[in-house]
Structures are given as structure tokens and as C-alpha cells.
């Protein structure tokens, strides 16, 4: 008599070492089960995303990338002012949960457009800090010395909205801390002096970088995020007067054209079909792509301020002026990215 022994199928556990500590998101293989306390995000090549809750099996399609995410909370220390490394903020944040009112969660868009294979906690914190420093340097957020209770609450509201709008994270706690004891200020000052030139060079050398990689990353962000920025600007609450309405509609029209231009960009290495482009011009194109992404980051920050703003005419005019500047920069850099040679000023 033949005895048949069938071994039960055992699914291999996903390798998620460091998730929740050194990493916020790690790739998870098809067929694995989402561990308890985590969730998965699947993103297609065209930027569409979907979430899977704990216990679900990851059935990713051929064109989908899957991440396993630990929602946190995470703790970090941010330096709001680059020139004052002794001033810090101790921040606790968590990844926002799924909102059924949103077609796509903001953190999921972040993963699809700029997340890469994995999201390291230190790199993500560096992005949070850069966004905070930029808003403070531009005067869009204020954190003055001897901050009063009212000023602190105003800062916190703007800071919370900035991180939620830009990255899709919720700030659980934020308190000021003195980092002077933990930072070697003398070493920091010596390092800054070491990189400063003694005399101004006649011509600053161009920054060396991988043009193809940077351009590809920048264009993906523009292609995926500009439609969401356009949607956010369309939903902005503004005073119902005719002049504001016309300016708002004109900005929407221009931003729509920028989004169309980003989605139809020519290949970096081609000046025309079957006609290669010079390497110096490829570098120029990639620099304009990166500048357009910098304007895109400013657009996200502007949307955060619009959500916090009161629907008053003077404030609306100032916000629309800022939106006009950002859209103009996007128009300029996208047009320069399409051009095969730099135009004379």
C-alpha cells in the first residue's frame, strides 16, 4: 500500500528587518502576508496606489511595486534653523491612516513618486527638516525667540499642516529642545569654514551629478504630483469676488498646461527623433528638471498654507501672488527642459 505524504505549504515570512526602526517602508514580495501592526502599499507604474491592511496577502500585479509600512510612531530631532544647530525640535510623528474620503493617500503618493525601493527613517527625517527650514527661511512659518503661547500654537498649526500636506504624516508631539549639549558647535563651525573658499572663484564650477537619474526622478514627481497639486488648488477656498475668481481660473489653466508639458517631455538624450543631444545640454535639461521639482515642493507648502488661511481678500491676494510666482517658475523650467539648447537671456 502506497502512502502519500503531502507536506503542508508554508509561506516564507517576509524579510522586514529594521522596519519600524531604521526604515519606514521596505519592499515586500508577492504572495507574502502583511504582518500585524503594518500595512502594505501597492503602486503601479503610472502612479495608482492601493492599500492592504494587516493579514492580507500581497497579490501584486506585474507593473506594481509593493512596500510594507510600519505606521510608527517615530521620534526624531529637527533643526529648524541651519545657522543655529543648538536650537532643536523633538518631534513624534506617525504615518496617516487610510481616509475613505481621499482617492489616494498623500503618503502613498510619496511612495509612488519618490519613495524608491525603501524609505530609510534618517533620509525621511532629512526631508522633513528641509521642508521646515525652507518655510522658516521664506517667512511662511515663524518661530521667533521667546515664542509666546499664541505664536507657538500658530507655528504648530502651520507645521502640522505642512507635514500632512507634503508627506502625509501626522505630528503627534512637538516640543523645543536645546541641542547644544549634543552638538559639537566648534566642529560644526570648523567644517563650515573648511568648505568656504578663501577668495571668490572667477567662475563657479557646475555641480556634477547623474543627469539621467536625476532627470528621471524629477519628471516622475512632476508627472504624478502636478495633477494632485492642481486638484488642491482648485479646491482652495477664496473670496467670491470677480477679480479673485479670474486669477484663480487663470492659475488653474496655466498649471494644467504645465502638467500636460510634464507628461509629454521629450527624452533627455534626444534633440529630435534619432538625433542625439550633446552631454552638456543633457546636464542643462536635468538642472531645469530639478529646479521644477523645487518649485513643486513650494507648491505643496503653499497648499498647506491655503488650508490654514482665513478666506479674507488681502490674505487671498498674497497667496495668489505666491501661486503666480510658483507657476511661473514651473512654466519657465518646464519650457527650458523641453528646449534643445539654452536660449539667450
Foldseek 3Di string as FASTA:
>chain_A
DDDDDDDDDDDDAFDDPCDQHFFFKAFGDAFHFQAPQKKKWKAFLLGQIDIGHGGDGHHHDPRITMIIGRFDFDWDKADLEPVCNQKIKIWTKTADDDDVVDSDAQQSSCCNQPQPNTGTPVVVVVVLNVLNNVCPVVVVQDDDPPDDPVNVVVNVLLSQLLCCLNNRMGIPDMDMDGCPVVDDVVVVVVVVVVPDDPDDDPDDDDDDDDLQVLLVSLLSCLQRCLVVLLVLLVPQDADPDDVLVVLSVVLSVLSVVLNVLSVPADDLQAQDVVHGADPVLSNVLSVLSVQLVVLVSVSSSLSSVSVVDDRDHVVSVVSSVSSVVSSVSSVVSSVSNRHRDDDDD
